PDB file of N, CA and C in Angstrom:
ATOM      1  N   MET A   1      72.662 -79.752-178.270  1.00  0.00           N
ATOM      2  CA  MET A   1      72.564 -79.868-177.456  1.00  0.00           C
ATOM      3  C   MET A   1      70.827 -80.785-176.844  1.00  0.00           C
ATOM      4  N   SER A   2      71.579 -81.814-176.010  1.00  0.00           N
ATOM      5  CA  SER A   2      69.622 -82.175-176.350  1.00  0.00           C
ATOM      6  C   SER A   2      68.845 -81.422-174.743  1.00  0.00           C
ATOM      7  N   ASP A   3      67.948 -81.841-175.078  1.00  0.00           N
ATOM      8  CA  ASP A   3      66.776 -80.811-173.666  1.00  0.00           C
ATOM      9  C   ASP A   3      66.245 -82.533-173.367  1.00  0.00           C
ATOM     10  N   TRP A   4      66.315 -82.859-171.838  1.00  0.00           N
ATOM     11  CA  TRP A   4      65.708 -83.481-171.104  1.00  0.00           C
ATOM     12  C   TRP A   4      64.275 -83.371-170.897  1.00  0.00           C
ATOM     13  N   LYS A   5      63.049 -84.389-171.139  1.00  0.00           N
ATOM     14  CA  LYS A   5      62.309 -83.941-170.613  1.00  0.00           C
ATOM     15  C   LYS A   5      61.772 -85.528-170.108  1.00  0.00           C
ATOM     16  N   LYS A   6      61.160 -85.348-168.771  1.00  0.00           N
ATOM     17  CA  LYS A   6      60.972 -86.592-168.175  1.00  0.00           C
ATOM     18  C   LYS A   6      59.591 -87.084-168.714  1.00  0.00           C
ATOM     19  N   LEU A   7      59.635 -88.347-168.174  1.00  0.00           N
ATOM     20  CA  LEU A   7      58.911 -89.618-169.176  1.00  0.00           C
ATOM     21  C   LEU A   7      57.919 -89.877-167.691  1.00  0.00           C
ATOM     22  N   CYS A   8      58.829 -90.386-167.272  1.00  0.00           N
ATOM     23  CA  CYS A   8      57.779 -91.644-165.886  1.00  0.00           C
ATOM     24  C   CYS A   8      58.649 -92.071-165.283  1.00  0.00           C
ATOM     25  N   GLN A   9      58.133 -93.063-164.181  1.00  0.00           N
ATOM     26  CA  GLN A   9      58.955 -94.144-163.374  1.00  0.00           C
ATOM     27  C   GLN A   9      59.054 -94.962-163.256  1.00  0.00           C
ATOM     28  N   LEU A  10      60.232 -95.858-163.357  1.00  0.00           N
ATOM     29  CA  LEU A  10      60.632 -96.958-163.396  1.00  0.00           C
ATOM     30  C   LEU A  10      59.683 -97.896-163.870  1.00  0.00           C
ATOM     31  N   ASP A  11      59.208 -97.677-162.395  1.00  0.00           N
ATOM     32  CA  ASP A  11      58.085 -98.758-161.936  1.00  0.00           C
ATOM     33  C   ASP A  11      56.784 -98.694-163.147  1.00  0.00           C
ATOM     34  N   ASP A  12      56.770 -97.763-163.870  1.00  0.00           N
ATOM     35  CA  ASP A  12      55.492 -97.454-165.233  1.00  0.00           C
ATOM     36  C   ASP A  12      55.842 -98.493-166.041  1.00  0.00           C
ATOM     37  N   ILE A  13      57.027 -99.239-166.136  1.00  0.00           N
ATOM     38  CA  ILE A  13      57.410 -99.664-166.942  1.00  0.00           C
ATOM     39  C   ILE A  13      57.646-101.239-166.877  1.00  0.00           C
ATOM     40  N   PRO A  14      56.952-102.528-167.115  1.00  0.00           N
ATOM     41  CA  PRO A  14      56.913-103.774-166.381  1.00  0.00           C
ATOM     42  C   PRO A  14      58.615-104.017-166.830  1.00  0.00           C
ATOM     43  N   ARG A  15      59.035-105.003-165.963  1.00  0.00           N
ATOM     44  CA  ARG A  15      60.270-105.546-166.309  1.00  0.00           C
ATOM     45  C   ARG A  15      60.200-106.640-167.254  1.00  0.00           C
ATOM     46  N   GLN A  16      61.210-107.004-167.722  1.00  0.00           N
ATOM     47  CA  GLN A  16      61.374-107.612-169.532  1.00  0.00           C
ATOM     48  C   GLN A  16      60.245-107.115-170.220  1.00  0.00           C
ATOM     49  N   GLY A  17      59.609-106.212-169.987  1.00  0.00           N
ATOM     50  CA  GLY A  17      58.615-105.457-171.031  1.00  0.00           C
ATOM     51  C   GLY A  17      58.771-104.024-171.335  1.00  0.00           C
ATOM     52  N   SER A  18      57.289-103.635-172.048  1.00  0.00           N
ATOM     53  CA  SER A  18      57.220-102.196-172.844  1.00  0.00           C
ATOM     54  C   SER A  18      56.360-101.510-172.219  1.00  0.00           C
ATOM     55  N   ARG A  19      56.522-100.320-172.330  1.00  0.00           N
ATOM     56  CA  ARG A  19      55.429 -98.931-172.230  1.00  0.00           C
ATOM     57  C   ARG A  19      55.045 -97.748-173.709  1.00  0.00           C
ATOM     58  N   VAL A  20      54.321 -97.629-173.823  1.00  0.00           N
ATOM     59  CA  VAL A  20      54.508 -96.627-175.267  1.00  0.00           C
ATOM     60  C   VAL A  20      53.938 -95.092-174.523  1.00  0.00           C
ATOM     61  N   VAL A  21      55.415 -94.523-175.108  1.00  0.00           N
ATOM     62  CA  VAL A  21      54.150 -92.837-174.521  1.00  0.00           C
ATOM     63  C   VAL A  21      54.943 -92.583-176.066  1.00  0.00           C
ATOM     64  N   ALA A  22      53.898 -91.087-176.534  1.00  0.00           N
ATOM     65  CA  ALA A  22      53.634 -90.648-177.990  1.00  0.00           C
ATOM     66  C   ALA A  22      54.581 -89.310-178.079  1.00  0.00           C
ATOM     67  N   SER A  23      54.874 -89.116-178.974  1.00  0.00           N
ATOM     68  CA  SER A  23      55.835 -87.559-179.188  1.00  0.00           C
ATOM     69  C   SER A  23      55.521 -86.950-180.609  1.00  0.00           C
ATOM     70  N   ALA A  24      56.089 -86.648-180.561  1.00  0.00           N
ATOM     71  CA  ALA A  24      55.662 -85.226-181.924  1.00  0.00           C
ATOM     72  C   ALA A  24      56.407 -86.266-182.952  1.00  0.00           C
ATOM     73  N   SER A  25      57.312 -87.154-182.593  1.00  0.00           N
ATOM     74  CA  SER A  25      57.599 -87.608-183.795  1.00  0.00           C
ATOM     75  C   SER A  25      57.046 -89.026-184.156  1.00  0.00           C
ATOM     76  N   GLY A  26      56.437 -89.598-183.263  1.00  0.00           N
ATOM     77  CA  GLY A  26      55.520 -90.660-183.626  1.00  0.00           C
ATOM     78  C   GLY A  26      55.902 -91.145-182.264  1.00  0.00           C
ATOM     79  N   ASP A  27      55.198 -93.240-182.261  1.00  0.00           N
ATOM     80  CA  ASP A  27      55.523 -93.633-180.817  1.00  0.00           C
ATOM     81  C   ASP A  27      56.536 -93.519-180.528  1.00  0.00           C
ATOM     82  N   ILE A  28      56.969 -94.195-178.830  1.00  0.00           N
ATOM     83  CA  ILE A  28      58.508 -94.250-178.888  1.00  0.00           C
ATOM     84  C   ILE A  28      58.274 -95.301-177.549  1.00  0.00           C
ATOM     85  N   ALA A  29      58.488 -96.698-177.690  1.00  0.00           N
ATOM     86  CA  ALA A  29      58.513 -98.189-176.633  1.00  0.00           C
ATOM     87  C   ALA A  29      59.734 -97.609-176.285  1.00  0.00           C
ATOM     88  N   LEU A  30      59.794 -97.586-174.573  1.00  0.00           N
ATOM     89  CA  LEU A  30      60.336 -97.888-173.281  1.00  0.00           C
ATOM     90  C   LEU A  30      60.920 -98.881-172.540  1.00  0.00           C
ATOM     91  N   PHE A  31      61.244 -99.838-172.959  1.00  0.00           N
ATOM     92  CA  PHE A  31      61.781-100.741-172.810  1.00  0.00           C
ATOM     93  C   PHE A  31      62.712-101.570-170.784  1.00  0.00           C
ATOM     94  N   ARG A  32      62.515-102.113-170.254  1.00  0.00           N
ATOM     95  CA  ARG A  32      63.095-102.051-169.303  1.00  0.00           C
ATOM     96  C   ARG A  32      63.748-104.164-169.082  1.00  0.00           C
ATOM     97  N   THR A  33      65.021-103.663-168.781  1.00  0.00           N
ATOM     98  CA  THR A  33      65.411-104.955-168.694  1.00  0.00           C
ATOM     99  C   THR A  33      65.249-106.076-167.226  1.00  0.00           C
ATOM    100  N   ASP A  34      65.636-107.146-167.038  1.00  0.00           N
ATOM    101  CA  ASP A  34      65.498-107.892-166.323  1.00  0.00           C
ATOM    102  C   ASP A  34      66.434-106.831-165.100  1.00  0.00           C
ATOM    103  N   ASP A  35      67.438-106.428-165.201  1.00  0.00           N
ATOM    104  CA  ASP A  35      68.422-105.652-164.591  1.00  0.00           C
ATOM    105  C   ASP A  35      67.856-104.222-164.357  1.00  0.00           C
ATOM    106  N   ASP A  36      66.649-103.901-164.844  1.00  0.00           N
ATOM    107  CA  ASP A  36      66.669-102.766-164.268  1.00  0.00           C
ATOM    108  C   ASP A  36      67.070-101.626-165.807  1.00  0.00           C
ATOM    109  N   GLU A  37      67.851-101.993-166.919  1.00  0.00           N
ATOM    110  CA  GLU A  37      68.243-101.113-167.952  1.00  0.00           C
ATOM    111  C   GLU A  37      67.360-100.125-168.533  1.00  0.00           C
ATOM    112  N   VAL A  38      66.891 -99.043-168.769  1.00  0.00           N
ATOM    113  CA  VAL A  38      66.028 -98.618-169.694  1.00  0.00           C
ATOM    114  C   VAL A  38      66.170 -98.224-171.319  1.00  0.00           C
ATOM    115  N   PHE A  39      65.734 -98.988-172.442  1.00  0.00           N
ATOM    116  CA  PHE A  39      65.764 -98.015-173.740  1.00  0.00           C
ATOM    117  C   PHE A  39      64.979 -97.855-174.261  1.00  0.00           C
ATOM    118  N   ALA A  40      65.429 -96.755-175.580  1.00  0.00           N
ATOM    119  CA  ALA A  40      63.710 -96.343-175.839  1.00  0.00           C
ATOM    120  C   ALA A  40      64.428 -96.511-177.311  1.00  0.00           C
ATOM    121  N   VAL A  41      63.279 -96.757-178.484  1.00  0.00           N
ATOM    122  CA  VAL A  41      63.132 -96.919-179.136  1.00  0.00           C
ATOM    123  C   VAL A  41      62.058 -96.232-180.324  1.00  0.00           C
ATOM    124  N   HIS A  42      62.257 -96.069-181.347  1.00  0.00           N
ATOM    125  CA  HIS A  42      60.649 -95.689-181.602  1.00  0.00           C
ATOM    126  C   HIS A  42      60.054 -97.014-182.065  1.00  0.00           C
ATOM    127  N   ASP A  43      58.235 -96.914-181.603  1.00  0.00           N
ATOM    128  CA  ASP A  43      57.694 -97.989-181.979  1.00  0.00           C
ATOM    129  C   ASP A  43      57.346 -98.507-183.109  1.00  0.00           C
ATOM    130  N   GLN A  44      58.525 -98.813-183.766  1.00  0.00           N
ATOM    131  CA  GLN A  44      58.213 -99.145-185.451  1.00  0.00           C
ATOM    132  C   GLN A  44      59.872 -99.393-185.934  1.00  0.00           C
ATOM    133  N   CYS A  45      59.144-100.894-186.441  1.00  0.00           N
ATOM    134  CA  CYS A  45      60.383-102.050-186.925  1.00  0.00           C
ATOM    135  C   CYS A  45      60.889-101.750-188.067  1.00  0.00           C
ATOM    136  N   PRO A  46      61.816-101.906-188.099  1.00  0.00           N
ATOM    137  CA  PRO A  46      62.140-100.866-189.836  1.00  0.00           C
ATOM    138  C   PRO A  46      62.142-101.989-190.686  1.00  0.00           C
ATOM    139  N   HIS A  47      61.533-103.150-190.539  1.00  0.00           N
ATOM    140  CA  HIS A  47      61.309-103.936-191.726  1.00  0.00           C
ATOM    141  C   HIS A  47      60.068-104.328-192.737  1.00  0.00           C
ATOM    142  N   LYS A  48      58.693-104.018-191.503  1.00  0.00           N
ATOM    143  CA  LYS A  48      57.342-103.536-192.287  1.00  0.00           C
ATOM    144  C   LYS A  48      56.554-102.655-191.522  1.00  0.00           C
ATOM    145  N   GLY A  49      57.442-101.772-190.614  1.00  0.00           N
ATOM    146  CA  GLY A  49      56.662-100.699-189.479  1.00  0.00           C
ATOM    147  C   GLY A  49      56.363-101.567-187.984  1.00  0.00           C
ATOM    148  N   GLY A  50      56.164-102.892-188.136  1.00  0.00           N
ATOM    149  CA  GLY A  50      55.196-103.363-186.648  1.00  0.00           C
ATOM    150  C   GLY A  50      55.656-102.742-185.859  1.00  0.00           C
ATOM    151  N   PRO A  51      54.790-102.921-184.758  1.00  0.00           N
ATOM    152  CA  PRO A  51      55.119-102.240-183.385  1.00  0.00           C
ATOM    153  C   PRO A  51      56.014-103.040-182.668  1.00  0.00           C
ATOM    154  N   LEU A  52      57.174-102.771-181.864  1.00  0.00           N
ATOM    155  CA  LEU A  52      58.258-102.944-180.981  1.00  0.00           C
ATOM    156  C   LEU A  52      57.957-103.207-179.993  1.00  0.00           C
ATOM    157  N   SER A  53      57.252-102.392-179.693  1.00  0.00           N
ATOM    158  CA  SER A  53      56.556-102.285-177.704  1.00  0.00           C
ATOM    159  C   SER A  53      55.512-103.391-177.806  1.00  0.00           C
ATOM    160  N   GLN A  54      55.081-104.216-178.233  1.00  0.00           N
ATOM    161  CA  GLN A  54      54.095-105.674-178.801  1.00  0.00           C
ATOM    162  C   GLN A  54      55.700-106.854-178.875  1.00  0.00           C
ATOM    163  N   GLY A  55      56.700-106.311-179.030  1.00  0.00           N
ATOM    164  CA  GLY A  55      57.389-107.531-179.284  1.00  0.00           C
ATOM    165  C   GLY A  55      57.882-108.427-177.881  1.00  0.00           C
ATOM    166  N   ILE A  56      58.782-109.373-178.219  1.00  0.00           N
ATOM    167  CA  ILE A  56      58.967-110.274-176.781  1.00  0.00           C
ATOM    168  C   ILE A  56      60.632-109.766-176.776  1.00  0.00           C
ATOM    169  N   LEU A  57      60.766-108.960-175.906  1.00  0.00           N
ATOM    170  CA  LEU A  57      61.965-108.812-175.278  1.00  0.00           C
ATOM    171  C   LEU A  57      62.796-109.386-173.890  1.00  0.00           C
ATOM    172  N   THR A  58      64.182-109.577-174.927  1.00  0.00           N
ATOM    173  CA  THR A  58      65.277-111.072-174.978  1.00  0.00           C
ATOM    174  C   THR A  58      66.188-110.141-174.370  1.00  0.00           C
ATOM    175  N   GLY A  59      66.475-110.051-172.976  1.00  0.00           N
ATOM    176  CA  GLY A  59      68.483-109.056-172.333  1.00  0.00           C
ATOM    177  C   GLY A  59      67.588-107.503-173.379  1.00  0.00           C
ATOM    178  N   ARG A  60      68.654-107.897-174.051  1.00  0.00           N
ATOM    179  CA  ARG A  60      68.869-106.428-174.774  1.00  0.00           C
ATOM    180  C   ARG A  60      68.612-106.442-176.490  1.00  0.00           C
ATOM    181  N   VAL A  61      67.453-107.383-176.864  1.00  0.00           N
ATOM    182  CA  VAL A  61      66.723-107.045-177.893  1.00  0.00           C
ATOM    183  C   VAL A  61      65.460-107.303-178.011  1.00  0.00           C
ATOM    184  N   VAL A  62      64.746-107.360-179.100  1.00  0.00           N
ATOM    185  CA  VAL A  62      63.673-107.110-178.685  1.00  0.00           C
ATOM    186  C   VAL A  62      62.787-107.486-180.114  1.00  0.00           C
ATOM    187  N   THR A  63      62.212-108.863-179.978  1.00  0.00           N
ATOM    188  CA  THR A  63      61.668-109.483-181.481  1.00  0.00           C
ATOM    189  C   THR A  63      60.647-109.135-181.891  1.00  0.00           C
ATOM    190  N   CYS A  64      60.426-108.183-183.063  1.00  0.00           N
ATOM    191  CA  CYS A  64      59.201-107.451-183.609  1.00  0.00           C
ATOM    192  C   CYS A  64      57.689-108.657-183.429  1.00  0.00           C
ATOM    193  N   PRO A  65      56.593-108.839-183.123  1.00  0.00           N
ATOM    194  CA  PRO A  65      55.940-109.584-183.630  1.00  0.00           C
ATOM    195  C   PRO A  65      55.286-109.639-184.911  1.00  0.00           C
ATOM    196  N   LEU A  66      55.458-109.259-185.909  1.00  0.00           N
ATOM    197  CA  LEU A  66      54.846-108.965-186.938  1.00  0.00           C
ATOM    198  C   LEU A  66      55.684-110.113-187.915  1.00  0.00           C
ATOM    199  N   HIS A  67      57.102-110.418-188.149  1.00  0.00           N
ATOM    200  CA  HIS A  67      58.045-111.220-188.691  1.00  0.00           C
ATOM    201  C   HIS A  67      59.029-111.497-188.269  1.00  0.00           C
ATOM    202  N   GLY A  68      59.362-111.484-186.624  1.00  0.00           N
ATOM    203  CA  GLY A  68      60.204-112.258-186.248  1.00  0.00           C
ATOM    204  C   GLY A  68      61.577-111.564-185.965  1.00  0.00           C
ATOM    205  N   TRP A  69      61.656-110.161-186.817  1.00  0.00           N
ATOM    206  CA  TRP A  69      63.297-109.736-187.144  1.00  0.00           C
ATOM    207  C   TRP A  69      63.266-109.101-185.203  1.00  0.00           C
ATOM    208  N   LYS A  70      64.535-109.460-184.483  1.00  0.00           N
ATOM    209  CA  LYS A  70      65.588-109.188-183.884  1.00  0.00           C
ATOM    210  C   LYS A  70      65.861-107.480-183.391  1.00  0.00           C
ATOM    211  N   ILE A  71      65.957-106.397-182.609  1.00  0.00           N
ATOM    212  CA  ILE A  71      66.270-105.100-182.881  1.00  0.00           C
ATOM    213  C   ILE A  71      67.385-104.884-181.462  1.00  0.00           C
ATOM    214  N   ALA A  72      68.559-104.633-181.630  1.00  0.00           N
ATOM    215  CA  ALA A  72      69.180-104.577-180.572  1.00  0.00           C
ATOM    216  C   ALA A  72      68.746-103.073-179.936  1.00  0.00           C
ATOM    217  N   LEU A  73      68.391-102.470-178.854  1.00  0.00           N
ATOM    218  CA  LEU A  73      68.079-101.625-178.249  1.00  0.00           C
ATOM    219  C   LEU A  73      69.126-100.724-177.674  1.00  0.00           C
ATOM    220  N   GLU A  74      70.242-100.969-178.050  1.00  0.00           N
ATOM    221  CA  GLU A  74      71.355-100.210-177.359  1.00  0.00           C
ATOM    222  C   GLU A  74      71.364 -99.430-178.616  1.00  0.00           C
ATOM    223  N   ASN A  75      71.229 -99.915-179.853  1.00  0.00           N
ATOM    224  CA  ASN A  75      71.838 -98.809-181.156  1.00  0.00           C
ATOM    225  C   ASN A  75      70.632 -99.297-181.863  1.00  0.00           C
ATOM    226  N   GLY A  76      69.346-100.305-182.025  1.00  0.00           N
ATOM    227  CA  GLY A  76      68.097 -99.934-182.932  1.00  0.00           C
ATOM    228  C   GLY A  76      68.406-100.695-184.053  1.00  0.00           C
ATOM    229  N   GLU A  77      69.953-101.318-184.168  1.00  0.00           N
ATOM    230  CA  GLU A  77      70.431-102.391-185.259  1.00  0.00           C
ATOM    231  C   GLU A  77      69.472-103.689-185.699  1.00  0.00           C
ATOM    232  N   ALA A  78      69.006-104.012-186.827  1.00  0.00           N
ATOM    233  CA  ALA A  78      68.467-104.924-186.264  1.00  0.00           C
ATOM    234  C   ALA A  78      69.730-105.885-186.773  1.00  0.00           C
ATOM    235  N   VAL A  79      69.399-107.363-185.737  1.00  0.00           N
ATOM    236  CA  VAL A  79      70.808-107.883-185.837  1.00  0.00           C
ATOM    237  C   VAL A  79      70.443-109.027-186.872  1.00  0.00           C
ATOM    238  N   ALA A  80      71.667-109.654-187.180  1.00  0.00           N
ATOM    239  CA  ALA A  80      72.312-110.324-188.953  1.00  0.00           C
ATOM    240  C   ALA A  80      71.071-112.009-188.714  1.00  0.00           C
ATOM    241  N   PRO A  81      70.944-112.348-189.262  1.00  0.00           N
ATOM    242  CA  PRO A  81      71.071-111.633-191.093  1.00  0.00           C
ATOM    243  C   PRO A  81      70.144-110.116-191.759  1.00  0.00           C
ATOM    244  N   ASP A  82      69.168-110.314-190.734  1.00  0.00           N
ATOM    245  CA  ASP A  82      68.558-108.846-191.429  1.00  0.00           C
ATOM    246  C   ASP A  82      69.531-107.614-191.594  1.00  0.00           C
ATOM    247  N   ALA A  83      68.930-106.756-192.210  1.00  0.00           N
ATOM    248  CA  ALA A  83      69.309-105.040-191.991  1.00  0.00           C
ATOM    249  C   ALA A  83      68.468-104.220-192.234  1.00  0.00           C
ATOM    250  N   GLY A  84      68.753-103.193-190.829  1.00  0.00           N
ATOM    251  CA  GLY A  84      67.728-102.153-190.684  1.00  0.00           C
ATOM    252  C   GLY A  84      68.064-101.276-189.840  1.00  0.00           C
ATOM    253  N   CYS A  85      67.862-100.389-188.781  1.00  0.00           N
ATOM    254  CA  CYS A  85      67.703 -99.722-188.122  1.00  0.00           C
ATOM    255  C   CYS A  85      66.453 -98.811-187.726  1.00  0.00           C
ATOM    256  N   ALA A  86      65.698 -99.359-186.482  1.00  0.00           N
ATOM    257  CA  ALA A  86      65.004 -98.278-185.700  1.00  0.00           C
ATOM    258  C   ALA A  86      65.057 -97.242-185.059  1.00  0.00           C
ATOM    259  N   ARG A  87      65.113 -95.872-185.072  1.00  0.00           N
ATOM    260  CA  ARG A  87      65.646 -94.624-183.888  1.00  0.00           C
ATOM    261  C   ARG A  87      65.957 -95.031-182.472  1.00  0.00           C
ATOM    262  N   THR A  88      66.903 -94.817-182.257  1.00  0.00           N
ATOM    263  CA  THR A  88      66.955 -94.939-180.911  1.00  0.00           C
ATOM    264  C   THR A  88      66.948 -93.473-180.151  1.00  0.00           C
ATOM    265  N   PHE A  89      66.813 -93.295-179.082  1.00  0.00           N
ATOM    266  CA  PHE A  89      67.171 -91.953-178.066  1.00  0.00           C
ATOM    267  C   PHE A  89      67.688 -92.816-176.931  1.00  0.00           C
ATOM    268  N   SER A  90      68.386 -91.253-176.464  1.00  0.00           N
ATOM    269  CA  SER A  90      68.993 -91.034-175.280  1.00  0.00           C
ATOM    270  C   SER A  90      68.357 -90.906-174.190  1.00  0.00           C
ATOM    271  N   VAL A  91      68.133 -92.347-172.882  1.00  0.00           N
ATOM    272  CA  VAL A  91      67.306 -92.470-171.583  1.00  0.00           C
ATOM    273  C   VAL A  91      68.707 -92.116-170.447  1.00  0.00           C
ATOM    274  N   LYS A  92      67.957 -92.186-169.289  1.00  0.00           N
ATOM    275  CA  LYS A  92      68.479 -91.288-168.116  1.00  0.00           C
ATOM    276  C   LYS A  92      67.915 -91.826-166.887  1.00  0.00           C
ATOM    277  N   ARG A  93      67.948 -92.205-166.469  1.00  0.00           N
ATOM    278  CA  ARG A  93      67.605 -92.208-164.944  1.00  0.00           C
ATOM    279  C   ARG A  93      67.866 -91.532-163.852  1.00  0.00           C
ATOM    280  N   VAL A  94      67.199 -90.527-162.720  1.00  0.00           N
ATOM    281  CA  VAL A  94      67.434 -89.864-161.290  1.00  0.00           C
ATOM    282  C   VAL A  94      66.388 -90.203-160.604  1.00  0.00           C
ATOM    283  N   GLY A  95      67.373 -91.297-159.557  1.00  0.00           N
ATOM    284  CA  GLY A  95      66.156 -91.939-159.324  1.00  0.00           C
ATOM    285  C   GLY A  95      65.588 -92.992-159.742  1.00  0.00           C
ATOM    286  N   ASP A  96      64.211 -92.975-159.237  1.00  0.00           N
ATOM    287  CA  ASP A  96      63.651 -93.879-160.132  1.00  0.00           C
ATOM    288  C   ASP A  96      62.644 -92.730-161.481  1.00  0.00           C
ATOM    289  N   ASP A  97      62.848 -91.740-161.603  1.00  0.00           N
ATOM    290  CA  ASP A  97      62.361 -91.114-162.136  1.00  0.00           C
ATOM    291  C   ASP A  97      63.318 -91.428-164.119  1.00  0.00           C
ATOM    292  N   VAL A  98      62.513 -91.753-165.037  1.00  0.00           N
ATOM    293  CA  VAL A  98      62.985 -91.927-166.325  1.00  0.00           C
ATOM    294  C   VAL A  98      63.059 -90.936-167.357  1.00  0.00           C
ATOM    295  N   TRP A  99      64.043 -90.892-167.747  1.00  0.00           N
ATOM    296  CA  TRP A  99      64.407 -89.410-168.542  1.00  0.00           C
ATOM    297  C   TRP A  99      64.548 -89.320-170.456  1.00  0.00           C
ATOM    298  N   ILE A 100      64.302 -89.124-170.773  1.00  0.00           N
ATOM    299  CA  ILE A 100      64.683 -88.600-172.472  1.00  0.00           C
ATOM    300  C   ILE A 100      65.271 -87.586-173.167  1.00  0.00           C
ATOM    301  N   ALA A 101      66.173 -87.746-173.675  1.00  0.00           N
ATOM    302  CA  ALA A 101      66.896 -86.755-174.783  1.00  0.00           C
ATOM    303  C   ALA A 101      66.148 -86.306-175.556  1.00  0.00           C
ATOM    304  N   THR A 102      65.658 -85.362-175.979  1.00  0.00           N
ATOM    305  CA  THR A 102      64.483 -84.715-177.527  1.00  0.00           C
ATOM    306  C   THR A 102      64.741 -84.003-178.569  1.00  0.00           C
TER     307      THR A 102
END
């Protein structure tokens, strides 16, 4: 069973952008798509640890700023031909509040 923790308001995350929150297991990057979907992934590319929060968001995919790996936000999987996975976290919105499962 997951415990839910309120992280921020939706407007605290820029549209088509990200925000980083600290956690005991490392930084978590929150991404907000153009249609207000919110995703949470460990802020570390599975390739060489680049900060995904500084990457470019296109739809539901973020491109790592270091070597261009593309990571699908819904499952953390690298887009082929690359292989690897970033840890994802369950997110929910209650009104304008953004919550994460811990």
